[in-house]
Amino acid sequence: MRTLYVKDPNGPHLEFTLDHPDTEKIETDRRTTVHADPARPLGRDHGGNNRWR
């Protein structure tokens, strides 16, 4: 997801978001690794967990 934060001249902060084009594939992929991801740093894998950024 891409996010843009701006401040309206009248005071409130606004947030605009845009989903990644492959959102469904990413969600399916993340569901298959959800239990393994927290253990990765313990196995000396210090890479990021978001390959789509």
Protein backbone atom coordinates (compact mmCIF):
# COMPACT_ATOMS: atom_id res chain seq x y z
CA MET A 1 0.00 0.00 0.00
CA ARG A 2 1.17 3.50 -0.76
CA THR A 3 0.18 6.19 1.69
CA LEU A 4 0.26 9.98 1.50
CA TYR A 5 -0.36 12.19 4.53
CA VAL A 6 -1.22 15.86 4.14
CA LYS A 7 -2.50 18.59 6.42
CA ASP A 8 -5.62 20.37 5.28
CA PRO A 9 -5.35 24.18 5.50
CA ASN A 10 -8.40 24.08 7.79
CA GLY A 11 -6.53 21.94 10.32
CA PRO A 12 -7.33 18.22 9.96
CA HIS A 13 -4.75 15.74 8.72
CA LEU A 14 -5.75 13.65 5.71
CA GLU A 15 -4.53 10.23 4.61
CA PHE A 16 -4.76 8.92 1.04
CA THR A 17 -3.97 5.26 0.31
CA LEU A 18 -3.53 3.18 -2.82
CA ASP A 19 -3.34 -0.62 -2.80
CA HIS A 20 -0.50 -2.39 -4.59
CA PRO A 21 -1.61 -3.82 -7.97
CA ASP A 22 -0.77 -7.38 -6.79
CA THR A 23 -2.59 -7.12 -3.45
CA GLU A 24 -4.37 -10.47 -3.79
CA LYS A 25 -1.14 -12.33 -4.63
CA ILE A 26 0.71 -10.61 -1.78
CA GLU A 27 -2.01 -11.50 0.74
CA THR A 28 -1.99 -15.14 -0.40
CA ASP A 29 1.82 -15.22 -0.15
CA ARG A 30 1.80 -13.66 3.33
CA ARG A 31 -0.75 -16.19 4.60
CA THR A 32 1.63 -19.02 3.70
CA THR A 33 4.54 -17.48 5.65
CA VAL A 34 2.72 -15.87 8.58
CA HIS A 35 3.98 -18.43 11.13
CA ALA A 36 7.54 -18.62 9.80
CA ASP A 37 8.18 -14.85 9.57
CA PRO A 38 8.60 -14.19 13.34
CA ALA A 39 11.24 -16.96 13.56
CA ARG A 40 13.36 -15.69 10.65
CA PRO A 41 15.54 -13.27 12.68
CA LEU A 42 16.31 -16.06 15.16
CA GLY A 43 17.65 -18.12 12.26
CA ARG A 44 20.02 -15.27 11.34
CA ASP A 45 17.82 -14.14 8.43
CA HIS A 46 17.76 -10.38 8.98
CA GLY A 47 16.22 -9.51 5.63
CA GLY A 48 13.02 -7.56 5.37
CA ASN A 49 9.62 -9.22 5.35
CA ASN A 50 8.14 -7.01 2.63
CA ARG A 51 9.52 -8.00 -0.77
CA TRP A 52 7.04 -5.74 -2.58
CA ARG A 53 8.36 -2.35 -1.46
